[in-house]
Amino acid sequence: MQRKRSASTIKIGAVLIMLVLFLIIYLINPAFFNELWGVCLSGDMKQVADYINSFGPWAMVFSFLLVLCVNAIGFPPAIIFSSANALIFGIVPGIILAWLAETVGVVISFLLLRFLFRDAAEEVIAKYSYLKKIDDMSGREGFKIMLIARLVPYLPSGLLNAVGALSKMSLKDYTLAALIGKLPSTAIEAMIGHDAVTASENPYRLVFNIVLAVVVVGSFLLYEKRKKKQQNVEE
């Protein structure tokens, strides 16, 4: 009982710290959140790129933190910011920046969600045998499952963060899966977004990137189909 109370106190403290950080940002610049929210909801990559560029020499640092937060929260879609990075800093530097920021963001999300909700999830899992089997499997096969999921472009980051955090997957497996899997998916998303804006400069590359994304998603679906068929044969 005392342990649960201590854990609850720590969780409340963590939430309060985050609220204080938001309050400090608001006090420094009251218009910041409204401006950022408007830019994020616009979905306009050029507008996002212009907004990031407005931070001048701090643009890269701000972009890194912005992409980090977006992936930690899981909203809005990170492709907008990955593409904006490619427009601002160039395709290769933009992809590397987005890849590292996205990886750090999903790991932070994993840690926060696991810290806040894993205990509650374990209590629910303990009541149902089928959930226990799934949870045990996530501990054994978590790296492979998460790696495949991260390789697929456009899968909701917030959903994968929650699935990983609430499962038995280790932090090491989750981090490695995110680090490896996010590079190709982030690259595809960034290049498609970049080329959609600059299609007149190189229309063939946009077509190639779209085909590449379809191949990656198709390969994922085919893998899952074969895996299920093999499991059914073994059973």
Protein backbone atom coordinates (compact mmCIF):
# COMPACT_ATOMS: atom_id res chain seq x y z
CA MET A 1 0.00 0.00 0.00
CA GLN A 2 2.80 2.39 0.95
CA ARG A 3 4.58 1.57 -2.30
CA LYS A 4 1.47 2.42 -4.34
CA ARG A 5 1.06 5.71 -2.51
CA SER A 6 4.71 6.61 -3.16
CA ALA A 7 4.34 5.75 -6.85
CA SER A 8 1.17 7.84 -7.09
CA THR A 9 2.92 10.78 -5.42
CA ILE A 10 5.83 10.55 -7.90
CA LYS A 11 3.43 10.41 -10.85
CA ILE A 12 1.53 13.46 -9.63
CA GLY A 13 4.85 15.24 -9.16
CA ALA A 14 5.92 14.40 -12.71
CA VAL A 15 2.67 15.77 -14.14
CA LEU A 16 3.04 18.96 -12.07
CA ILE A 17 6.61 19.45 -13.34
CA MET A 18 5.38 19.25 -16.94
CA LEU A 19 2.61 21.74 -16.21
CA VAL A 20 5.13 24.12 -14.63
CA LEU A 21 7.34 23.90 -17.74
CA PHE A 22 4.37 24.79 -19.95
CA LEU A 23 3.54 27.68 -17.61
CA ILE A 24 7.11 29.03 -17.80
CA ILE A 25 7.00 28.95 -21.61
CA TYR A 26 3.65 30.74 -21.55
CA LEU A 27 4.96 33.44 -19.21
CA ILE A 28 8.03 34.02 -21.39
CA ASN A 29 5.97 34.23 -24.59
CA PRO A 30 2.14 34.20 -24.11
CA ALA A 31 1.52 34.01 -27.87
CA PHE A 32 3.82 31.02 -28.44
CA PHE A 33 1.30 28.20 -28.01
CA ASN A 34 -1.39 29.94 -30.10
CA GLU A 35 1.09 30.58 -32.90
CA LEU A 36 2.46 27.05 -32.78
CA TRP A 37 -1.02 25.51 -32.65
CA GLY A 38 -2.14 27.54 -35.66
CA VAL A 39 0.91 26.55 -37.67
CA CYS A 40 0.51 22.86 -36.75
CA LEU A 41 -3.18 22.78 -37.68
CA SER A 42 -2.55 24.50 -40.99
CA GLY A 43 -0.91 21.39 -42.43
CA ASP A 44 0.95 23.71 -44.80
CA MET A 45 4.56 22.56 -45.04
CA LYS A 46 5.75 25.88 -46.43
CA GLN A 47 4.10 27.74 -43.55
CA VAL A 48 5.67 25.33 -41.06
CA ALA A 49 9.06 25.78 -42.74
CA ASP A 50 8.72 29.58 -42.64
CA TYR A 51 7.77 29.45 -38.97
CA ILE A 52 10.79 27.31 -38.08
CA ASN A 53 13.03 29.57 -40.16
CA SER A 54 11.78 32.58 -38.20
CA PHE A 55 13.91 31.40 -35.27
CA GLY A 56 17.04 32.27 -37.25
CA PRO A 57 20.23 30.66 -35.93
CA TRP A 58 18.13 28.68 -33.45
CA ALA A 59 15.95 27.18 -36.20
CA MET A 60 17.62 23.77 -36.12
CA VAL A 61 17.45 23.54 -32.31
CA PHE A 62 13.81 24.64 -32.31
CA SER A 63 12.96 22.19 -35.09
CA PHE A 64 14.61 19.34 -33.19
CA LEU A 65 12.61 20.13 -30.03
CA LEU A 66 9.41 20.61 -32.02
CA VAL A 67 9.70 17.25 -33.80
CA LEU A 68 10.66 15.65 -30.49
CA CYS A 69 7.52 16.98 -28.77
CA VAL A 70 5.24 16.09 -31.69
CA ASN A 71 6.43 12.48 -31.61
CA ALA A 72 6.22 12.32 -27.82
CA ILE A 73 2.61 13.54 -27.93
CA GLY A 74 1.69 11.67 -31.12
CA PHE A 75 -0.06 14.66 -32.69
CA PRO A 76 -0.10 16.25 -35.25
CA PRO A 77 1.42 13.92 -37.90
CA ALA A 78 5.20 14.15 -37.87
CA ILE A 79 5.42 14.05 -41.67
CA ILE A 80 4.62 17.79 -41.78
CA PHE A 81 7.72 18.62 -39.75
CA SER A 82 9.97 16.00 -41.34
CA SER A 83 9.14 17.47 -44.74
CA ALA A 84 9.65 21.02 -43.47
CA ASN A 85 13.12 20.03 -42.23
CA ALA A 86 13.97 18.67 -45.66
CA LEU A 87 12.82 21.94 -47.24
CA ILE A 88 14.82 24.11 -44.82
CA PHE A 89 18.04 22.20 -44.23
CA GLY A 90 18.23 20.01 -47.34
CA ILE A 91 17.02 16.44 -47.82
CA VAL A 92 19.86 14.53 -46.12
CA PRO A 93 20.46 16.90 -43.14
CA GLY A 94 16.70 17.35 -42.76
CA ILE A 95 16.08 13.61 -42.67
CA ILE A 96 18.87 13.02 -40.13
CA LEU A 97 17.57 15.81 -37.91
CA ALA A 98 13.98 14.52 -38.09
CA TRP A 99 15.08 10.89 -37.56
CA LEU A 100 17.05 11.65 -34.40
CA ALA A 101 14.38 13.99 -33.01
CA GLU A 102 11.59 11.49 -33.72
CA THR A 103 13.54 8.67 -32.06
CA VAL A 104 14.21 10.71 -28.93
CA GLY A 105 10.57 11.81 -28.87
CA VAL A 106 9.09 8.31 -29.02
CA VAL A 107 11.52 7.07 -26.36
CA ILE A 108 10.48 9.92 -24.02
CA SER A 109 6.84 9.08 -24.73
CA PHE A 110 7.54 5.41 -23.95
CA LEU A 111 9.13 6.30 -20.61
CA LEU A 112 6.32 8.68 -19.59
CA LEU A 113 3.50 6.35 -20.60
CA ARG A 114 5.12 3.35 -18.95
CA PHE A 115 5.79 5.31 -15.77
CA LEU A 116 2.24 6.64 -15.60
CA PHE A 117 0.16 3.71 -16.88
CA ARG A 118 2.07 0.39 -16.88
CA ASP A 119 1.09 -0.48 -13.29
CA ALA A 120 -2.58 0.00 -14.14
CA ALA A 121 -2.15 -2.05 -17.32
CA GLU A 122 -0.54 -4.89 -15.37
CA GLU A 123 -3.53 -5.04 -13.03
CA VAL A 124 -5.88 -5.39 -15.99
CA ILE A 125 -3.62 -7.92 -17.78
CA ALA A 126 -3.45 -10.12 -14.66
CA LYS A 127 -7.25 -10.62 -14.81
CA TYR A 128 -7.31 -12.13 -18.30
CA SER A 129 -5.24 -15.07 -19.48
CA TYR A 130 -5.29 -14.06 -23.16
CA LEU A 131 -3.92 -10.62 -22.29
CA LYS A 132 -1.21 -12.30 -20.23
CA LYS A 133 -0.18 -14.37 -23.26
CA ILE A 134 -0.05 -11.28 -25.45
CA ASP A 135 1.95 -9.43 -22.80
CA ASP A 136 4.44 -12.30 -22.49
CA MET A 137 4.79 -12.42 -26.28
CA SER A 138 5.53 -8.69 -26.36
CA GLY A 139 8.45 -9.32 -24.04
CA ARG A 140 9.86 -12.08 -26.27
CA GLU A 141 8.98 -10.71 -29.71
CA GLY A 142 8.65 -7.01 -28.91
CA PHE A 143 11.75 -5.88 -30.77
CA LYS A 144 10.81 -7.61 -34.01
CA ILE A 145 7.18 -6.48 -33.90
CA MET A 146 8.04 -2.86 -33.11
CA LEU A 147 10.84 -2.78 -35.69
CA ILE A 148 8.47 -3.89 -38.45
CA ALA A 149 5.83 -1.41 -37.33
CA ARG A 150 8.32 1.48 -37.24
CA LEU A 151 9.54 0.60 -40.74
CA VAL A 152 6.09 1.32 -42.17
CA PRO A 153 5.59 5.00 -43.08
CA TYR A 154 2.53 6.89 -41.84
CA LEU A 155 1.61 4.54 -38.97
CA PRO A 156 0.39 6.70 -36.04
CA SER A 157 3.36 7.28 -33.76
CA GLY A 158 1.19 7.88 -30.68
CA LEU A 159 -0.46 4.48 -31.06
CA LEU A 160 2.88 2.65 -31.33
CA ASN A 161 4.21 4.60 -28.33
CA ALA A 162 1.25 3.48 -26.22
CA VAL A 163 1.41 -0.14 -27.37
CA GLY A 164 5.12 -0.34 -26.56
CA ALA A 165 4.81 1.37 -23.17
CA LEU A 166 1.89 -0.73 -21.97
CA SER A 167 3.51 -3.99 -23.06
CA LYS A 168 6.33 -5.95 -21.44
CA MET A 169 8.81 -4.82 -24.09
CA SER A 170 12.12 -3.66 -22.65
CA LEU A 171 13.34 -0.09 -23.05
CA LYS A 172 16.43 -1.39 -24.89
CA ASP A 173 14.37 -3.31 -27.46
CA TYR A 174 11.97 -0.42 -27.93
CA THR A 175 14.77 2.13 -28.40
CA LEU A 176 16.70 -0.01 -30.89
CA ALA A 177 13.54 -0.79 -32.85
CA ALA A 178 12.66 2.90 -33.03
CA LEU A 179 16.21 3.97 -33.94
CA ILE A 180 16.55 1.42 -36.75
CA GLY A 181 12.97 1.41 -37.99
CA LYS A 182 12.41 5.15 -38.04
CA LEU A 183 15.28 5.95 -40.40
CA PRO A 184 13.74 4.51 -43.60
CA SER A 185 10.16 5.51 -42.71
CA THR A 186 11.19 9.07 -41.80
CA ALA A 187 13.25 9.31 -44.99
CA ILE A 188 10.31 8.21 -47.15
CA GLU A 189 7.90 10.58 -45.41
CA ALA A 190 10.29 13.51 -45.63
CA MET A 191 11.14 12.93 -49.30
CA ILE A 192 7.51 12.53 -50.35
CA GLY A 193 6.53 15.69 -48.48
CA HIS A 194 9.53 17.60 -49.85
CA ASP A 195 8.89 16.48 -53.42
CA ALA A 196 5.16 17.21 -53.16
CA VAL A 197 6.06 20.87 -52.58
CA THR A 198 8.88 20.94 -55.15
CA ALA A 199 7.33 18.53 -57.67
CA SER A 200 8.03 20.83 -60.61
CA GLU A 201 11.78 20.52 -59.96
CA ASN A 202 11.92 16.71 -60.04
CA PRO A 203 8.53 15.01 -60.65
CA TYR A 204 10.08 11.57 -61.20
CA ARG A 205 11.55 11.41 -57.71
CA LEU A 206 8.11 12.02 -56.19
CA VAL A 207 6.70 9.07 -58.16
CA PHE A 208 9.65 6.90 -57.08
CA ASN A 209 9.17 7.79 -53.42
CA ILE A 210 5.45 7.04 -53.55
CA VAL A 211 6.14 3.65 -55.16
CA LEU A 212 8.80 2.97 -52.52
CA ALA A 213 6.32 3.76 -49.73
CA VAL A 214 3.74 1.43 -51.29
CA VAL A 215 6.35 -1.35 -51.54
CA VAL A 216 7.31 -0.95 -47.87
CA VAL A 217 3.70 -1.01 -46.68
CA GLY A 218 2.87 -3.91 -49.03
CA SER A 219 5.86 -5.89 -47.75
CA PHE A 220 4.71 -5.33 -44.18
CA LEU A 221 1.18 -6.55 -44.92
CA LEU A 222 2.52 -9.56 -46.84
CA TYR A 223 4.84 -10.44 -43.96
CA GLU A 224 1.98 -10.30 -41.48
CA LYS A 225 -0.21 -12.46 -43.73
CA ARG A 226 2.48 -15.12 -44.11
CA LYS A 227 3.22 -15.03 -40.40
CA LYS A 228 -0.43 -15.65 -39.50
CA LYS A 229 -0.65 -18.47 -42.05
CA GLN A 230 2.48 -20.11 -40.59
CA GLN A 231 1.08 -19.80 -37.05
CA ASN A 232 -2.18 -21.44 -38.15
CA VAL A 233 -0.26 -24.33 -39.74
CA GLU A 234 1.83 -24.86 -36.59
CA GLU A 235 -1.30 -24.86 -34.41
